[in-house]
């Protein structure tokens, strides 16, 4: 990772059409003096490291189409759908506020049993309004990804019911 100090002098040079120091070029640390105070700013020129690992998830549409994607550990299944621009009509209409049942997903029994948390009473109330409800149904906004969920497969029901309407 390369770092260089961005000072008032470097900024002025850039504004006036000059060139910035090249990446990898040895650059001395410079301190800007502004109104009697010293300030030094550093700019990183490397790619940020991924802060979170990813797990692979497969969504299965009602027609059997399989959509393999990845999600970051700590994200919800709703986040995975939104972040990967997966087009499930009406999915996640309430944006994860637990006021609809549009992110209803159906898990296999083994996958359902390995989910880290059981559904809350509020989630169960919303699930009661979902179409195609099963004993292994959950709301995607309530499932947080962990390493243990690597390879998770979930079925997306053919129709959704927006409990808000």
C-alpha atoms as a PDB file:
ATOM      1  CA  UNK A   1       0.000   0.000   0.000  1.00  0.00           C
ATOM      2  CA  UNK A   2       1.343   3.421  -0.919  1.00  0.00           C
ATOM      3  CA  UNK A   3       0.609   6.497   1.118  1.00  0.00           C
ATOM      4  CA  UNK A   4       1.518  10.073   0.539  1.00  0.00           C
ATOM      5  CA  UNK A   5       0.741  13.271   2.335  1.00  0.00           C
ATOM      6  CA  UNK A   6      -1.752  15.561   0.658  1.00  0.00           C
ATOM      7  CA  UNK A   7      -0.964  19.100   1.705  1.00  0.00           C
ATOM      8  CA  UNK A   8      -2.208  22.501   0.719  1.00  0.00           C
ATOM      9  CA  UNK A   9       0.771  22.761  -1.610  1.00  0.00           C
ATOM     10  CA  UNK A  10      -0.098  19.508  -3.432  1.00  0.00           C
ATOM     11  CA  UNK A  11      -3.749  20.541  -3.674  1.00  0.00           C
ATOM     12  CA  UNK A  12      -2.817  23.941  -5.103  1.00  0.00           C
ATOM     13  CA  UNK A  13      -0.527  22.258  -7.588  1.00  0.00           C
ATOM     14  CA  UNK A  14      -3.397  20.025  -8.735  1.00  0.00           C
ATOM     15  CA  UNK A  15      -5.856  22.928  -8.933  1.00  0.00           C
ATOM     16  CA  UNK A  16      -3.406  24.946 -11.032  1.00  0.00           C
ATOM     17  CA  UNK A  17      -3.143  22.122 -13.521  1.00  0.00           C
ATOM     18  CA  UNK A  18      -0.015  20.526 -12.202  1.00  0.00           C
ATOM     19  CA  UNK A  19       0.430  16.831 -11.747  1.00  0.00           C
ATOM     20  CA  UNK A  20       0.110  14.880  -8.572  1.00  0.00           C
ATOM     21  CA  UNK A  21       2.942  12.710  -7.353  1.00  0.00           C
ATOM     22  CA  UNK A  22       2.952   9.317  -9.046  1.00  0.00           C
ATOM     23  CA  UNK A  23       1.840   6.202  -7.222  1.00  0.00           C
ATOM     24  CA  UNK A  24       4.869   4.394  -5.897  1.00  0.00           C
ATOM     25  CA  UNK A  25       7.061   7.473  -6.112  1.00  0.00           C
ATOM     26  CA  UNK A  26       8.969   8.247  -2.939  1.00  0.00           C
ATOM     27  CA  UNK A  27       7.206  11.208  -1.395  1.00  0.00           C
ATOM     28  CA  UNK A  28       8.243  13.081   1.672  1.00  0.00           C
ATOM     29  CA  UNK A  29       5.724  13.863   4.349  1.00  0.00           C
ATOM     30  CA  UNK A  30       4.701  17.483   4.194  1.00  0.00           C
ATOM     31  CA  UNK A  31       2.935  19.481   6.809  1.00  0.00           C
ATOM     32  CA  UNK A  32       0.601  22.315   5.894  1.00  0.00           C
ATOM     33  CA  UNK A  33       0.457  25.359   8.122  1.00  0.00           C
ATOM     34  CA  UNK A  34      -2.975  26.935   8.136  1.00  0.00           C
ATOM     35  CA  UNK A  35      -3.911  29.708  10.512  1.00  0.00           C
ATOM     36  CA  UNK A  36      -1.150  28.740  12.897  1.00  0.00           C
ATOM     37  CA  UNK A  37      -2.189  25.055  13.008  1.00  0.00           C
ATOM     38  CA  UNK A  38      -0.399  22.108  11.483  1.00  0.00           C
ATOM     39  CA  UNK A  39      -2.278  19.488   9.562  1.00  0.00           C
ATOM     40  CA  UNK A  40      -1.162  16.507   7.566  1.00  0.00           C
ATOM     41  CA  UNK A  41      -3.481  14.380   5.491  1.00  0.00           C
ATOM     42  CA  UNK A  42      -2.734  10.999   4.052  1.00  0.00           C
ATOM     43  CA  UNK A  43      -4.322   9.520   0.974  1.00  0.00           C
ATOM     44  CA  UNK A  44      -4.309   5.796   0.398  1.00  0.00           C
ATOM     45  CA  UNK A  45      -3.874   4.739  -3.204  1.00  0.00           C
ATOM     46  CA  UNK A  46      -4.462   1.025  -2.696  1.00  0.00           C
ATOM     47  CA  UNK A  47      -7.639  -0.945  -3.042  1.00  0.00           C
ATOM     48  CA  UNK A  48      -9.451  -1.343   0.300  1.00  0.00           C
ATOM     49  CA  UNK A  49      -9.409  -4.814   1.756  1.00  0.00           C
ATOM     50  CA  UNK A  50     -12.715  -6.592   1.990  1.00  0.00           C
ATOM     51  CA  UNK A  51     -13.803  -6.180   5.547  1.00  0.00           C
ATOM     52  CA  UNK A  52     -16.094  -9.132   5.418  1.00  0.00           C
ATOM     53  CA  UNK A  53     -15.952 -12.628   4.032  1.00  0.00           C
ATOM     54  CA  UNK A  54     -18.620 -13.820   1.646  1.00  0.00           C
ATOM     55  CA  UNK A  55     -20.748 -16.933   1.486  1.00  0.00           C
ATOM     56  CA  UNK A  56     -22.440 -18.434  -1.537  1.00  0.00           C
ATOM     57  CA  UNK A  57     -26.235 -18.469  -1.627  1.00  0.00           C
ATOM     58  CA  UNK A  58     -28.548 -20.033  -4.208  1.00  0.00           C
ATOM     59  CA  UNK A  59     -32.060 -18.690  -4.704  1.00  0.00           C
ATOM     60  CA  UNK A  60     -34.455 -21.032  -6.494  1.00  0.00           C
ATOM     61  CA  UNK A  61     -37.393 -19.467  -8.324  1.00  0.00           C
ATOM     62  CA  UNK A  62     -40.751 -21.231  -8.508  1.00  0.00           C
ATOM     63  CA  UNK A  63     -39.972 -22.194 -12.131  1.00  0.00           C
ATOM     64  CA  UNK A  64     -36.791 -23.987 -10.994  1.00  0.00           C
ATOM     65  CA  UNK A  65     -34.333 -21.329 -12.177  1.00  0.00           C
ATOM     66  CA  UNK A  66     -31.317 -21.271  -9.871  1.00  0.00           C
ATOM     67  CA  UNK A  67     -29.621 -17.957  -9.108  1.00  0.00           C
ATOM     68  CA  UNK A  68     -26.215 -18.362  -7.491  1.00  0.00           C
ATOM     69  CA  UNK A  69     -24.802 -15.309  -5.786  1.00  0.00           C
ATOM     70  CA  UNK A  70     -22.696 -14.237  -2.843  1.00  0.00           C
ATOM     71  CA  UNK A  71     -23.424 -12.227   0.245  1.00  0.00           C
ATOM     72  CA  UNK A  72     -21.266 -10.697   2.930  1.00  0.00           C
ATOM     73  CA  UNK A  73     -21.258 -12.200   6.390  1.00  0.00           C
ATOM     74  CA  UNK A  74     -23.479  -9.995   8.552  1.00  0.00           C
ATOM     75  CA  UNK A  75     -25.841  -9.047   5.713  1.00  0.00           C
ATOM     76  CA  UNK A  76     -29.420 -10.286   5.622  1.00  0.00           C
ATOM     77  CA  UNK A  77     -30.778 -12.373   2.749  1.00  0.00           C
ATOM     78  CA  UNK A  78     -32.783  -9.301   1.763  1.00  0.00           C
ATOM     79  CA  UNK A  79     -29.501  -7.360   1.548  1.00  0.00           C
ATOM     80  CA  UNK A  80     -28.088 -10.077  -0.715  1.00  0.00           C
ATOM     81  CA  UNK A  81     -31.021  -9.742  -3.131  1.00  0.00           C
ATOM     82  CA  UNK A  82     -30.809  -5.939  -3.164  1.00  0.00           C
ATOM     83  CA  UNK A  83     -26.988  -5.704  -3.344  1.00  0.00           C
ATOM     84  CA  UNK A  84     -26.838  -8.180  -6.238  1.00  0.00           C
ATOM     85  CA  UNK A  85     -29.760  -6.602  -8.139  1.00  0.00           C
ATOM     86  CA  UNK A  86     -31.705  -9.867  -8.245  1.00  0.00           C
ATOM     87  CA  UNK A  87     -35.127  -9.226  -9.740  1.00  0.00           C
ATOM     88  CA  UNK A  88     -37.781 -10.838  -7.571  1.00  0.00           C
ATOM     89  CA  UNK A  89     -40.942  -8.861  -8.276  1.00  0.00           C
ATOM     90  CA  UNK A  90     -42.008  -6.999  -5.131  1.00  0.00           C
ATOM     91  CA  UNK A  91     -39.383  -8.679  -2.935  1.00  0.00           C
ATOM     92  CA  UNK A  92     -38.518  -6.699   0.192  1.00  0.00           C
ATOM     93  CA  UNK A  93     -41.120  -3.976  -0.319  1.00  0.00           C
ATOM     94  CA  UNK A  94     -40.838  -2.703   3.282  1.00  0.00           C
ATOM     95  CA  UNK A  95     -37.015  -2.645   3.061  1.00  0.00           C
ATOM     96  CA  UNK A  96     -36.525  -4.929   6.047  1.00  0.00           C
ATOM     97  CA  UNK A  97     -38.702  -3.138   8.581  1.00  0.00           C
ATOM     98  CA  UNK A  98     -40.692  -6.304   9.342  1.00  0.00           C
ATOM     99  CA  UNK A  99     -43.972  -4.776   8.177  1.00  0.00           C
ATOM    100  CA  UNK A 100     -44.690  -6.968   5.156  1.00  0.00           C
ATOM    101  CA  UNK A 101     -44.115 -10.544   4.089  1.00  0.00           C
ATOM    102  CA  UNK A 102     -42.668  -9.928   0.633  1.00  0.00           C
ATOM    103  CA  UNK A 103     -39.225 -11.390   1.441  1.00  0.00           C
ATOM    104  CA  UNK A 104     -40.775 -14.763   2.341  1.00  0.00           C
ATOM    105  CA  UNK A 105     -38.346 -17.615   1.640  1.00  0.00           C
ATOM    106  CA  UNK A 106     -38.696 -21.367   2.053  1.00  0.00           C
ATOM    107  CA  UNK A 107     -35.797 -23.412   3.398  1.00  0.00           C
ATOM    108  CA  UNK A 108     -35.110 -27.129   3.305  1.00  0.00           C
ATOM    109  CA  UNK A 109     -35.518 -28.717   6.737  1.00  0.00           C
ATOM    110  CA  UNK A 110     -31.726 -29.193   7.260  1.00  0.00           C
ATOM    111  CA  UNK A 111     -31.013 -25.576   6.244  1.00  0.00           C
ATOM    112  CA  UNK A 112     -33.855 -24.285   8.413  1.00  0.00           C
ATOM    113  CA  UNK A 113     -32.461 -26.183  11.397  1.00  0.00           C
ATOM    114  CA  UNK A 114     -28.992 -24.657  10.974  1.00  0.00           C
ATOM    115  CA  UNK A 115     -30.252 -21.067  11.017  1.00  0.00           C
ATOM    116  CA  UNK A 116     -28.693 -19.332  14.018  1.00  0.00           C
ATOM    117  CA  UNK A 117     -31.888 -17.792  15.400  1.00  0.00           C
ATOM    118  CA  UNK A 118     -35.476 -18.908  15.579  1.00  0.00           C
ATOM    119  CA  UNK A 119     -38.200 -16.573  14.261  1.00  0.00           C
ATOM    120  CA  UNK A 120     -39.488 -13.875  16.610  1.00  0.00           C
ATOM    121  CA  UNK A 121     -43.185 -13.446  17.368  1.00  0.00           C
ATOM    122  CA  UNK A 122     -43.262 -10.406  15.055  1.00  0.00           C
ATOM    123  CA  UNK A 123     -41.768 -12.439  12.208  1.00  0.00           C
ATOM    124  CA  UNK A 124     -44.246 -15.255  12.781  1.00  0.00           C
ATOM    125  CA  UNK A 125     -47.120 -12.734  12.642  1.00  0.00           C
ATOM    126  CA  UNK A 126     -45.898 -11.498   9.244  1.00  0.00           C
ATOM    127  CA  UNK A 127     -45.330 -15.045   7.988  1.00  0.00           C
ATOM    128  CA  UNK A 128     -48.966 -15.875   8.770  1.00  0.00           C
ATOM    129  CA  UNK A 129     -49.854 -13.459   5.963  1.00  0.00           C
ATOM    130  CA  UNK A 130     -47.475 -14.992   3.395  1.00  0.00           C
ATOM    131  CA  UNK A 131     -48.577 -17.163   0.493  1.00  0.00           C
ATOM    132  CA  UNK A 132     -47.259 -20.748   0.255  1.00  0.00           C
ATOM    133  CA  UNK A 133     -46.382 -20.786   3.967  1.00  0.00           C
ATOM    134  CA  UNK A 134     -44.519 -23.882   5.168  1.00  0.00           C
ATOM    135  CA  UNK A 135     -43.036 -25.076   8.456  1.00  0.00           C
ATOM    136  CA  UNK A 136     -39.625 -23.952   7.168  1.00  0.00           C
ATOM    137  CA  UNK A 137     -40.641 -20.475   5.989  1.00  0.00           C
ATOM    138  CA  UNK A 138     -38.713 -17.406   7.125  1.00  0.00           C
ATOM    139  CA  UNK A 139     -38.474 -13.767   6.117  1.00  0.00           C
ATOM    140  CA  UNK A 140     -35.236 -12.975   4.298  1.00  0.00           C
ATOM    141  CA  UNK A 141     -34.846  -9.685   6.160  1.00  0.00           C
ATOM    142  CA  UNK A 142     -34.516 -11.636   9.414  1.00  0.00           C
ATOM    143  CA  UNK A 143     -31.811 -14.096   8.312  1.00  0.00           C
ATOM    144  CA  UNK A 144     -28.281 -12.838   8.941  1.00  0.00           C
ATOM    145  CA  UNK A 145     -25.495 -14.525   6.987  1.00  0.00           C
ATOM    146  CA  UNK A 146     -22.741 -16.349   8.841  1.00  0.00           C
ATOM    147  CA  UNK A 147     -19.968 -18.730   7.764  1.00  0.00           C
ATOM    148  CA  UNK A 148     -22.226 -21.609   8.807  1.00  0.00           C
ATOM    149  CA  UNK A 149     -24.652 -20.709   6.015  1.00  0.00           C
ATOM    150  CA  UNK A 150     -22.121 -21.276   3.204  1.00  0.00           C
ATOM    151  CA  UNK A 151     -23.899 -22.962   0.277  1.00  0.00           C
ATOM    152  CA  UNK A 152     -27.393 -22.113   1.550  1.00  0.00           C
ATOM    153  CA  UNK A 153     -30.224 -22.796  -0.898  1.00  0.00           C
ATOM    154  CA  UNK A 154     -33.610 -21.111  -0.504  1.00  0.00           C
ATOM    155  CA  UNK A 155     -36.798 -21.313  -2.528  1.00  0.00           C
ATOM    156  CA  UNK A 156     -38.612 -18.125  -3.507  1.00  0.00           C
ATOM    157  CA  UNK A 157     -42.410 -18.590  -3.616  1.00  0.00           C
ATOM    158  CA  UNK A 158     -44.227 -17.948  -6.895  1.00  0.00           C
ATOM    159  CA  UNK A 159     -46.387 -15.181  -5.428  1.00  0.00           C
ATOM    160  CA  UNK A 160     -45.979 -12.652  -2.688  1.00  0.00           C
ATOM    161  CA  UNK A 161     -48.420 -11.002  -0.338  1.00  0.00           C
ATOM    162  CA  UNK A 162     -47.618  -7.483   0.784  1.00  0.00           C
ATOM    163  CA  UNK A 163     -49.110  -7.404   4.285  1.00  0.00           C
ATOM    164  CA  UNK A 164     -49.160  -3.605   4.194  1.00  0.00           C
ATOM    165  CA  UNK A 165     -51.956  -3.476   1.623  1.00  0.00           C
END
